[in-house]
Amino acid sequence: MIIFLYSLMCFIFGTTFLAIKVGIDAGFPPFLSAGIRFLLAGLLIFIYFYSKNRSVLSLLFRKELVAAGFSLTFITFACLYWAEQYVTSGIAAILSATGPMLIIILQSVFLKKGISKISLAGILIGFIGVMLLFSPGLTIEVNGQWIIGCGIILIGEIGYAAGTIYSSKLISSLPSQSPIVLNAIQMIYGGVFLLIIAFIAKENIPASSKEGLLAIIYLTVAGSMIGHTIYYYLVAKTNAFLPSTWLYVSPIIALTIGRFYYHEYFHPIMLIGAFFIIASLILINFTKVADYVTQKKIVSVK
């Protein structure tokens, strides 16, 4: 059951990038699409937990969750959705995997937390991977908007990194509350912020777009509700590290289905860059990977 759920989670997270691309290509504006997705998903999850007496209304008024929603959902996905107007879904997924690398950098700069040599090597390898992903944009096949889009995704990942650091402290300060509920509330606020930007940008729902509507439904139900619920379930049933390894698997899934299903532009050097970034994730989390493998060996021997 654990293996099935883990595989399903990786598949869902890997396909969300293409679903975003399909919705945008179908005519749904980026900020409006993202806002509907996260506001609806957050509300449905919170209402469910509240109906089961597993949450309280007072959580909705925690300013800490407003801040988490601004950084984790609003900044991250405003950048991602906007960028996918110009960047392929596979490359968007690979660049989104740089989040852990940026978390370590922010912790080092602002929290004065030391970086191990192996993590530093991972950051350097990740930087090379990003440069390799950018390099095809210097050719005539890809225009300047593609490079700008890649840069915007990285800016969004800075928001993700800051939000992750902040929310980890928030979750630990509210041990009696389910992380799923806290995540739902920050999605609500992130969705509200996205809809505000959509209103300012005068975005409108297209008259008719079956593909766009299906994309939003899939992202809301599968991406934001089922995927995250499986994630926290696996955290509870296994450990905090195993579910996080979706970052190693899902980008490759996204790159593959984007190329073969959606016929997205692909340059061989991008694949090298992708593996550099995945390698950087392994190095950055080397201690956790080693500990997990060691624990599995001990269990198998017993």
Protein backbone atom coordinates (compact mmCIF):
# COMPACT_ATOMS: atom_id res chain seq x y z
CA MET A 1 0.00 0.00 0.00
CA ILE A 2 2.83 2.40 0.89
CA ILE A 3 4.60 1.76 -2.42
CA PHE A 4 1.36 2.29 -4.35
CA LEU A 5 0.57 5.56 -2.58
CA TYR A 6 4.13 6.81 -3.00
CA SER A 7 4.04 6.01 -6.73
CA LEU A 8 0.65 7.69 -7.09
CA MET A 9 1.90 10.79 -5.29
CA CYS A 10 4.97 11.06 -7.52
CA PHE A 11 2.83 10.62 -10.62
CA ILE A 12 0.33 13.27 -9.50
CA PHE A 13 3.02 15.80 -8.63
CA GLY A 14 4.81 15.02 -11.89
CA THR A 15 1.70 15.60 -14.01
CA THR A 16 0.57 18.84 -12.37
CA PHE A 17 3.11 20.86 -14.36
CA LEU A 18 1.66 19.61 -17.64
CA ALA A 19 -1.88 20.22 -16.38
CA ILE A 20 -0.94 23.84 -15.65
CA LYS A 21 0.47 24.15 -19.17
CA VAL A 22 -2.63 22.59 -20.76
CA GLY A 23 -4.93 24.95 -18.88
CA ILE A 24 -2.95 28.03 -19.85
CA ASP A 25 -2.67 26.94 -23.49
CA ALA A 26 -6.44 26.38 -23.46
CA GLY A 27 -6.97 30.05 -22.65
CA PHE A 28 -7.32 30.11 -18.87
CA PRO A 29 -5.28 33.07 -17.52
CA PRO A 30 -2.50 32.09 -15.10
CA PHE A 31 -3.36 33.97 -11.90
CA LEU A 32 -7.07 33.24 -12.13
CA SER A 33 -6.42 29.54 -12.76
CA ALA A 34 -4.08 29.27 -9.80
CA GLY A 35 -6.37 31.30 -7.54
CA ILE A 36 -9.42 29.13 -8.24
CA ARG A 37 -7.38 25.97 -7.74
CA PHE A 38 -5.91 26.81 -4.35
CA LEU A 39 -8.86 28.67 -2.87
CA LEU A 40 -11.25 25.85 -3.77
CA ALA A 41 -8.90 23.07 -2.63
CA GLY A 42 -8.11 24.81 0.63
CA LEU A 43 -11.75 25.50 1.42
CA LEU A 44 -12.87 21.94 0.68
CA ILE A 45 -10.17 20.42 2.88
CA PHE A 46 -10.79 22.84 5.74
CA ILE A 47 -14.58 22.35 5.61
CA TYR A 48 -14.11 18.58 5.71
CA PHE A 49 -11.85 18.69 8.77
CA TYR A 50 -14.08 21.26 10.48
CA SER A 51 -17.14 19.07 9.92
CA LYS A 52 -15.27 16.21 11.61
CA ASN A 53 -14.42 18.46 14.60
CA ARG A 54 -10.75 18.21 13.71
CA SER A 55 -10.21 21.92 13.25
CA VAL A 56 -11.38 25.26 14.63
CA LEU A 57 -12.45 28.49 12.93
CA SER A 58 -9.94 30.54 14.91
CA LEU A 59 -7.14 29.06 12.78
CA LEU A 60 -8.47 31.02 9.83
CA PHE A 61 -7.48 34.24 11.58
CA ARG A 62 -3.87 33.34 12.35
CA LYS A 63 -1.66 35.95 10.73
CA GLU A 64 1.15 33.40 10.56
CA LEU A 65 -0.92 31.34 8.12
CA VAL A 66 -1.58 34.44 6.04
CA ALA A 67 2.19 34.95 5.76
CA ALA A 68 2.71 31.28 4.92
CA GLY A 69 0.05 31.47 2.21
CA PHE A 70 1.68 34.56 0.74
CA SER A 71 5.09 32.94 0.39
CA LEU A 72 4.34 29.24 -0.09
CA THR A 73 1.36 29.44 -2.42
CA PHE A 74 1.06 32.97 -3.77
CA ILE A 75 4.67 33.79 -4.66
CA THR A 76 5.58 30.26 -5.74
CA PHE A 77 2.59 29.60 -7.97
CA ALA A 78 2.06 33.11 -9.28
CA CYS A 79 5.57 32.83 -10.71
CA LEU A 80 5.13 29.24 -11.89
CA TYR A 81 1.79 29.77 -13.62
CA TRP A 82 2.91 33.00 -15.29
CA ALA A 83 6.17 31.41 -16.45
CA GLU A 84 4.46 28.37 -17.97
CA GLN A 85 3.04 30.67 -20.63
CA TYR A 86 6.56 30.63 -22.08
CA VAL A 87 8.40 27.68 -20.48
CA THR A 88 7.75 24.01 -21.16
CA SER A 89 6.16 22.06 -18.31
CA GLY A 90 9.12 19.67 -18.04
CA ILE A 91 11.66 22.44 -17.57
CA ALA A 92 9.31 24.18 -15.13
CA ALA A 93 9.26 20.98 -13.05
CA ILE A 94 13.04 20.63 -13.07
CA LEU A 95 13.56 24.27 -12.04
CA SER A 96 10.96 23.85 -9.30
CA ALA A 97 13.13 21.09 -7.84
CA THR A 98 15.74 23.70 -6.88
CA GLY A 99 13.67 24.59 -3.79
CA PRO A 100 15.74 22.50 -1.30
CA MET A 101 18.93 24.06 -2.63
CA LEU A 102 17.54 27.55 -2.06
CA ILE A 103 16.35 26.58 1.44
CA ILE A 104 19.93 25.78 2.45
CA ILE A 105 21.19 29.02 0.93
CA LEU A 106 18.58 31.12 2.75
CA GLN A 107 19.27 29.33 6.03
CA SER A 108 22.95 30.06 5.61
CA VAL A 109 22.51 33.73 4.71
CA PHE A 110 19.73 34.76 7.10
CA LEU A 111 19.87 32.18 9.90
CA LYS A 112 23.67 31.85 9.86
CA LYS A 113 23.33 28.09 9.61
CA GLY A 114 26.48 26.31 8.46
CA ILE A 115 26.66 24.40 5.19
CA SER A 116 28.45 21.05 5.07
CA LYS A 117 30.99 20.41 2.34
CA ILE A 118 28.77 17.82 0.69
CA SER A 119 25.79 20.19 0.70
CA LEU A 120 27.97 22.94 -0.76
CA ALA A 121 29.02 20.53 -3.51
CA GLY A 122 25.33 19.82 -4.12
CA ILE A 123 24.56 23.52 -4.43
CA LEU A 124 27.40 24.02 -6.93
CA ILE A 125 26.26 21.03 -8.99
CA GLY A 126 22.69 22.33 -8.87
CA PHE A 127 23.87 25.73 -10.09
CA ILE A 128 25.62 24.06 -13.03
CA GLY A 129 22.40 22.16 -13.76
CA VAL A 130 20.39 25.38 -13.83
CA MET A 131 22.90 26.95 -16.22
CA LEU A 132 22.64 23.91 -18.49
CA LEU A 133 18.84 24.25 -18.52
CA PHE A 134 19.18 27.91 -19.42
CA SER A 135 21.77 27.38 -22.15
CA PRO A 136 19.39 26.21 -24.94
CA GLY A 137 17.64 29.54 -24.48
CA LEU A 138 20.72 31.23 -25.89
CA THR A 139 20.07 29.61 -29.26
CA ILE A 140 17.61 30.72 -31.92
CA GLU A 141 15.14 27.96 -31.06
CA VAL A 142 14.01 29.64 -27.85
CA ASN A 143 13.20 33.32 -27.43
CA GLY A 144 14.01 35.73 -24.63
CA GLN A 145 10.66 35.13 -22.92
CA TRP A 146 11.74 31.55 -22.29
CA ILE A 147 14.82 32.73 -20.36
CA ILE A 148 12.76 35.28 -18.42
CA GLY A 149 10.21 32.60 -17.60
CA CYS A 150 12.93 30.32 -16.22
CA GLY A 151 14.21 33.17 -14.07
CA ILE A 152 10.71 33.90 -12.76
CA ILE A 153 10.31 30.27 -11.68
CA LEU A 154 13.53 30.52 -9.69
CA ILE A 155 12.24 33.69 -8.03
CA GLY A 156 9.13 31.76 -7.11
CA GLU A 157 11.28 29.03 -5.59
CA ILE A 158 12.90 31.63 -3.34
CA GLY A 159 9.39 32.32 -2.04
CA TYR A 160 8.88 28.59 -1.61
CA ALA A 161 12.13 28.24 0.31
CA ALA A 162 11.32 31.16 2.61
CA GLY A 163 7.79 29.83 3.15
CA THR A 164 9.04 26.33 3.92
CA ILE A 165 11.46 27.60 6.57
CA TYR A 166 8.75 29.76 8.09
CA SER A 167 5.99 27.14 7.99
CA SER A 168 8.20 24.44 9.55
CA LYS A 169 8.45 26.60 12.67
CA LEU A 170 4.73 27.35 12.46
CA ILE A 171 3.78 23.66 12.35
CA SER A 172 6.00 22.88 15.32
CA SER A 173 4.36 25.70 17.28
CA LEU A 174 0.91 24.18 16.68
CA PRO A 175 1.47 20.48 17.46
CA SER A 176 -2.21 19.84 18.16
CA GLN A 177 -3.26 20.86 14.65
CA SER A 178 -3.07 18.62 11.61
CA PRO A 179 -0.45 19.74 9.06
CA ILE A 180 -3.09 19.04 6.39
CA VAL A 181 -5.39 21.66 7.92
CA LEU A 182 -2.59 24.21 8.27
CA ASN A 183 -1.62 23.58 4.65
CA ALA A 184 -5.26 24.00 3.59
CA ILE A 185 -5.53 27.39 5.31
CA GLN A 186 -2.35 28.71 3.77
CA MET A 187 -3.70 27.54 0.38
CA ILE A 188 -6.88 29.53 1.04
CA TYR A 189 -4.94 32.71 1.64
CA GLY A 190 -2.60 32.01 -1.26
CA GLY A 191 -5.63 31.54 -3.49
CA VAL A 192 -7.13 34.83 -2.30
CA PHE A 193 -3.92 36.70 -3.08
CA LEU A 194 -3.80 35.09 -6.53
CA LEU A 195 -7.39 36.11 -7.25
CA ILE A 196 -6.61 39.69 -6.18
CA ILE A 197 -3.76 39.80 -8.70
CA ALA A 198 -6.05 38.26 -11.31
CA PHE A 199 -8.58 41.04 -10.65
CA ILE A 200 -5.90 43.73 -10.90
CA ALA A 201 -4.63 42.17 -14.14
CA LYS A 202 -8.24 42.09 -15.40
CA GLU A 203 -8.12 38.38 -16.12
CA ASN A 204 -11.37 36.71 -17.15
CA ILE A 205 -12.59 33.15 -17.50
CA PRO A 206 -12.76 32.25 -21.22
CA ALA A 207 -16.22 31.74 -22.71
CA SER A 208 -15.64 28.04 -23.32
CA SER A 209 -12.61 25.89 -22.68
CA LYS A 210 -13.18 22.23 -21.85
CA GLU A 211 -9.46 21.49 -21.58
CA GLY A 212 -8.88 24.45 -19.29
CA LEU A 213 -11.76 23.50 -17.02
CA LEU A 214 -10.61 19.89 -16.79
CA ALA A 215 -7.10 21.08 -16.00
CA ILE A 216 -8.34 23.18 -13.07
CA ILE A 217 -10.46 20.30 -11.76
CA TYR A 218 -7.52 17.91 -11.98
CA LEU A 219 -5.14 20.35 -10.29
CA THR A 220 -7.64 21.11 -7.54
CA VAL A 221 -8.69 17.54 -6.76
CA ALA A 222 -5.60 15.51 -7.63
CA GLY A 223 -2.79 18.04 -7.31
CA SER A 224 -3.82 20.06 -4.27
CA MET A 225 -6.10 17.66 -2.38
CA ILE A 226 -5.21 14.04 -3.09
CA GLY A 227 -1.50 14.58 -3.65
CA HIS A 228 -0.91 16.57 -0.46
CA THR A 229 -3.13 14.27 1.60
CA ILE A 230 -1.08 11.27 0.46
CA TYR A 231 2.10 13.19 1.28
CA TYR A 232 1.10 13.83 4.90
CA TYR A 233 -0.28 10.29 5.22
CA LEU A 234 3.09 8.89 4.16
CA VAL A 235 4.85 11.20 6.60
CA ALA A 236 2.69 9.77 9.40
CA LYS A 237 3.07 6.14 8.29
CA THR A 238 6.77 6.15 7.33
CA ASN A 239 9.00 9.16 8.07
CA ALA A 240 9.46 12.75 6.98
CA PHE A 241 12.15 11.90 4.42
CA LEU A 242 10.58 9.23 2.19
CA PRO A 243 7.65 11.36 0.91
CA SER A 244 10.02 14.26 0.20
CA THR A 245 11.88 12.13 -2.35
CA TRP A 246 9.10 12.90 -4.82
CA LEU A 247 11.40 15.77 -5.80
CA TYR A 248 13.81 13.21 -7.26
CA VAL A 249 11.15 11.36 -9.25
CA SER A 250 8.41 13.78 -10.30
CA PRO A 251 10.58 16.18 -12.38
CA ILE A 252 11.70 13.27 -14.56
CA ILE A 253 8.06 12.21 -14.96
CA ALA A 254 7.13 15.78 -15.93
CA LEU A 255 9.98 16.05 -18.42
CA THR A 256 9.07 12.71 -20.00
CA ILE A 257 5.31 13.25 -20.40
CA GLY A 258 5.87 16.81 -21.55
CA ARG A 259 8.15 15.61 -24.32
CA PHE A 260 6.26 12.53 -25.49
CA TYR A 261 2.65 13.42 -24.72
CA TYR A 262 2.62 17.17 -25.32
CA HIS A 263 5.52 17.30 -27.81
CA GLU A 264 7.32 20.03 -25.92
CA TYR A 265 10.59 21.52 -27.11
CA PHE A 266 13.52 19.52 -25.80
CA HIS A 267 17.28 19.89 -26.19
CA PRO A 268 19.61 17.02 -25.14
CA ILE A 269 21.60 19.36 -22.92
CA MET A 270 18.45 19.93 -20.87
CA LEU A 271 18.49 16.28 -19.81
CA ILE A 272 22.05 16.68 -18.56
CA GLY A 273 21.00 19.75 -16.63
CA ALA A 274 18.06 17.86 -15.15
CA PHE A 275 20.30 15.07 -13.87
CA PHE A 276 22.71 17.62 -12.41
CA ILE A 277 19.84 19.14 -10.43
CA ILE A 278 18.58 15.75 -9.25
CA ALA A 279 22.15 14.86 -8.23
CA SER A 280 22.37 18.11 -6.28
CA LEU A 281 19.20 17.18 -4.37
CA ILE A 282 20.72 13.84 -3.39
CA LEU A 283 23.94 15.49 -2.20
CA ILE A 284 22.09 18.19 -0.27
CA ASN A 285 20.07 15.47 1.48
CA PHE A 286 22.97 13.00 1.57
CA THR A 287 22.83 12.47 5.34
CA LYS A 288 19.09 11.80 5.23
CA VAL A 289 19.49 9.48 2.24
CA ALA A 290 22.29 7.55 3.98
CA ASP A 291 20.32 7.30 7.23
CA TYR A 292 17.23 6.06 5.38
CA VAL A 293 19.18 3.42 3.43
CA THR A 294 20.92 2.28 6.61
CA GLN A 295 17.62 1.96 8.45
CA LYS A 296 16.14 -0.08 5.58
CA LYS A 297 19.12 -2.44 5.68
CA ILE A 298 18.78 -2.90 9.42
CA VAL A 299 15.07 -3.66 9.05
CA SER A 300 15.69 -6.15 6.25
CA VAL A 301 18.35 -7.96 8.31
CA LYS A 302 15.98 -8.27 11.25
